[in-house]
N, C-alpha and C. Protein backbone atom coordinates (compact mmCIF):
# COMPACT_ATOMS: atom_id res chain seq x y z
N MET A 1 3.76 34.17 2.78
CA MET A 1 3.78 33.35 4.16
C MET A 1 5.52 32.63 3.86
N ALA A 2 6.17 32.75 5.66
CA ALA A 2 7.09 32.51 5.67
C ALA A 2 7.20 30.36 5.64
N LYS A 3 8.29 30.02 5.46
CA LYS A 3 8.69 28.14 5.43
C LYS A 3 8.46 28.19 6.67
N GLN A 4 7.73 26.93 6.96
CA GLN A 4 8.00 26.41 8.02
C GLN A 4 9.12 25.34 8.27
N SER A 5 10.22 25.22 9.51
CA SER A 5 10.90 24.19 9.00
C SER A 5 10.32 22.85 9.47
N GLN A 6 11.22 21.85 9.23
CA GLN A 6 10.83 20.02 9.06
C GLN A 6 10.24 19.97 10.38
N THR A 7 10.74 20.40 11.36
CA THR A 7 10.35 19.92 12.89
C THR A 7 9.52 20.78 13.39
N GLN A 8 8.82 21.64 12.84
CA GLN A 8 7.01 22.32 12.97
C GLN A 8 6.22 21.68 12.32
N ILE A 9 6.57 20.97 10.85
CA ILE A 9 5.60 20.06 10.40
C ILE A 9 5.48 19.00 10.57
N SER A 10 3.96 18.41 10.62
CA SER A 10 3.64 17.19 11.15
C SER A 10 3.21 16.48 9.95
N ALA A 11 2.99 15.38 10.20
CA ALA A 11 2.51 14.42 8.88
C ALA A 11 1.37 14.57 8.55
N ARG A 12 0.48 15.38 9.31
CA ARG A 12 -0.86 15.86 8.61
C ARG A 12 -0.87 16.60 8.35
N ASP A 13 0.25 17.57 8.04
CA ASP A 13 0.15 18.48 6.99
C ASP A 13 0.78 18.42 5.58
N VAL A 14 0.89 17.07 5.88
CA VAL A 14 1.80 17.04 4.25
C VAL A 14 1.37 15.66 3.71
N MET A 15 0.19 14.36 4.73
CA MET A 15 0.13 12.98 4.26
C MET A 15 -1.69 13.79 3.07
N GLN A 16 -1.26 12.53 2.68
CA GLN A 16 -2.69 12.10 1.86
C GLN A 16 -4.00 11.44 2.51
N SER A 17 -5.31 12.50 2.68
CA SER A 17 -6.18 11.73 3.54
C SER A 17 -7.17 10.79 2.62
N ASP A 18 -7.19 11.33 0.78
CA ASP A 18 -7.61 10.43 -0.18
C ASP A 18 -7.14 9.27 -0.57
N VAL A 19 -6.95 7.98 0.22
CA VAL A 19 -6.19 7.00 0.15
C VAL A 19 -6.55 5.59 -0.31
N VAL A 20 -5.63 5.57 -1.78
CA VAL A 20 -6.47 4.03 -2.04
C VAL A 20 -6.05 3.12 -2.03
N THR A 21 -6.49 2.23 -1.87
CA THR A 21 -6.03 0.58 -0.56
C THR A 21 -6.33 -0.71 -1.30
N VAL A 22 -6.18 -1.71 -0.91
CA VAL A 22 -5.97 -2.91 -1.34
C VAL A 22 -6.69 -4.19 -0.16
N ALA A 23 -7.11 -4.62 -0.51
CA ALA A 23 -7.57 -6.05 0.65
C ALA A 23 -6.41 -7.00 0.54
N PRO A 24 -6.63 -8.03 1.76
CA PRO A 24 -5.51 -8.96 1.47
C PRO A 24 -5.78 -9.43 0.20
N SER A 25 -6.89 -10.10 0.08
CA SER A 25 -7.15 -11.38 -1.10
C SER A 25 -7.31 -10.56 -2.34
N ASP A 26 -6.77 -9.35 -2.88
CA ASP A 26 -6.97 -8.70 -4.18
C ASP A 26 -5.61 -9.23 -4.39
N SER A 27 -5.44 -9.69 -5.68
CA SER A 27 -4.61 -9.70 -6.90
C SER A 27 -3.23 -8.82 -7.12
N LEU A 28 -1.76 -9.26 -7.65
CA LEU A 28 -0.88 -8.73 -7.92
C LEU A 28 -1.30 -7.56 -8.57
N GLN A 29 -2.04 -8.13 -9.90
CA GLN A 29 -2.43 -7.69 -10.56
C GLN A 29 -3.29 -6.36 -10.17
N GLU A 30 -4.39 -6.61 -9.40
CA GLU A 30 -4.93 -5.55 -9.38
C GLU A 30 -4.18 -4.16 -8.54
N ALA A 31 -3.41 -4.96 -7.98
CA ALA A 31 -2.69 -3.52 -7.03
C ALA A 31 -1.74 -2.71 -7.40
N LEU A 32 -1.29 -3.69 -8.61
CA LEU A 32 -0.28 -2.82 -10.09
C LEU A 32 -1.35 -1.85 -10.62
N THR A 33 -2.56 -2.38 -11.06
CA THR A 33 -3.46 -1.36 -11.65
C THR A 33 -3.43 0.00 -10.76
N LEU A 34 -3.73 -0.74 -9.89
CA LEU A 34 -3.87 0.62 -8.60
C LEU A 34 -3.29 1.51 -8.53
N LEU A 35 -1.77 1.29 -8.45
CA LEU A 35 -0.87 1.96 -8.44
C LEU A 35 -0.48 3.16 -9.50
N THR A 36 -0.70 2.04 -10.44
CA THR A 36 -0.55 3.07 -11.91
C THR A 36 -1.49 3.47 -12.20
N GLU A 37 -3.02 3.68 -12.29
CA GLU A 37 -3.67 4.55 -12.56
C GLU A 37 -4.11 5.77 -11.19
N ASN A 38 -3.49 5.73 -10.15
CA ASN A 38 -3.44 6.57 -8.93
C ASN A 38 -2.04 7.41 -8.97
N HIS A 39 -0.54 7.13 -9.54
CA HIS A 39 1.01 7.39 -9.40
C HIS A 39 0.95 7.86 -8.67
N VAL A 40 0.65 6.20 -7.60
CA VAL A 40 1.01 6.46 -6.32
C VAL A 40 1.86 4.96 -5.86
N THR A 41 3.10 4.91 -5.34
CA THR A 41 3.88 3.71 -5.32
C THR A 41 3.55 3.11 -4.15
N GLY A 42 2.61 3.29 -3.08
CA GLY A 42 2.61 2.16 -2.67
C GLY A 42 0.94 1.84 -1.94
N LEU A 43 0.61 1.00 -1.62
CA LEU A 43 -0.84 1.11 -0.93
C LEU A 43 -1.19 0.03 0.54
N PRO A 44 -1.82 1.13 1.06
CA PRO A 44 -2.08 0.32 2.61
C PRO A 44 -3.51 -1.49 2.24
N VAL A 45 -2.77 -2.23 3.08
CA VAL A 45 -4.02 -3.29 2.74
C VAL A 45 -4.66 -3.39 4.22
N ILE A 46 -6.12 -3.28 3.51
CA ILE A 46 -6.92 -2.87 4.72
C ILE A 46 -7.81 -4.70 4.72
N ASP A 47 -7.87 -4.42 6.18
CA ASP A 47 -8.86 -5.94 6.06
C ASP A 47 -10.19 -5.38 6.36
N SER A 48 -11.45 -6.49 6.10
CA SER A 48 -12.68 -6.76 6.30
C SER A 48 -12.91 -5.55 7.78
N LYS A 49 -12.03 -5.43 8.84
CA LYS A 49 -12.37 -4.39 10.28
C LYS A 49 -11.93 -3.36 9.63
N GLY A 50 -11.36 -2.95 8.95
CA GLY A 50 -10.75 -1.23 8.25
C GLY A 50 -9.29 -1.70 8.97
N ARG A 51 -8.92 -2.13 9.22
CA ARG A 51 -7.64 -2.31 10.11
C ARG A 51 -6.68 -2.44 9.15
N CYS A 52 -5.59 -1.50 8.73
CA CYS A 52 -4.40 -1.75 8.14
C CYS A 52 -3.68 -2.73 8.37
N VAL A 53 -3.41 -3.73 7.63
CA VAL A 53 -2.22 -5.03 7.87
C VAL A 53 -1.44 -4.91 7.60
N GLY A 54 -1.05 -4.08 6.76
CA GLY A 54 0.12 -3.86 5.95
C GLY A 54 0.14 -2.75 4.89
N MET A 55 1.36 -3.32 3.95
CA MET A 55 1.76 -1.91 2.72
C MET A 55 1.83 -2.78 1.70
N VAL A 56 1.81 -2.89 0.41
CA VAL A 56 2.24 -2.84 -0.93
C VAL A 56 2.69 -2.28 -1.69
N THR A 57 4.13 -2.27 -2.07
CA THR A 57 4.59 -0.94 -2.73
C THR A 57 5.21 -1.71 -4.29
N ALA A 58 5.35 -0.74 -4.85
CA ALA A 58 5.58 -0.90 -6.96
C ALA A 58 7.11 -2.18 -6.17
N SER A 59 8.09 -1.55 -5.60
CA SER A 59 8.94 -2.81 -5.25
C SER A 59 8.98 -4.17 -4.72
N ASP A 60 7.88 -4.37 -4.08
CA ASP A 60 7.36 -5.31 -3.41
C ASP A 60 6.97 -6.34 -4.48
N ILE A 61 6.00 -5.63 -5.25
CA ILE A 61 5.63 -6.26 -6.59
C ILE A 61 6.94 -6.53 -7.36
N LEU A 62 7.36 -5.61 -8.22
CA LEU A 62 8.80 -6.00 -8.65
C LEU A 62 9.65 -7.20 -8.37
N ASN A 63 10.20 -7.05 -6.91
CA ASN A 63 10.89 -8.11 -6.44
C ASN A 63 10.22 -9.08 -6.52
N PHE A 64 8.76 -9.62 -5.98
CA PHE A 64 8.35 -10.82 -5.91
C PHE A 64 8.32 -11.46 -7.60
N GLU A 65 8.18 -10.84 -9.00
CA GLU A 65 8.15 -11.10 -10.02
C GLU A 65 9.21 -11.43 -10.83
N GLN A 66 10.22 -10.68 -10.22
CA GLN A 66 11.98 -11.49 -10.37
C GLN A 66 12.22 -12.60 -9.37
N ASP A 67 11.82 -13.06 -8.16
CA ASP A 67 12.01 -14.42 -7.69
C ASP A 67 11.39 -15.37 -8.63
């Protein structure tokens, strides 16, 4: 199978559809545990209406802990 150029590949072709998420009220420890257990570097933050209201990343947590 021939390789497609990056301009021919869409986000849908490479995205993960089984996404691990956190709620705005979840603790940083809960987020860090999910990041570690699922080998991901970021988690969408989903509110009670199912809307993505932001992202929390490993860098966000590390930077917060340094402050």
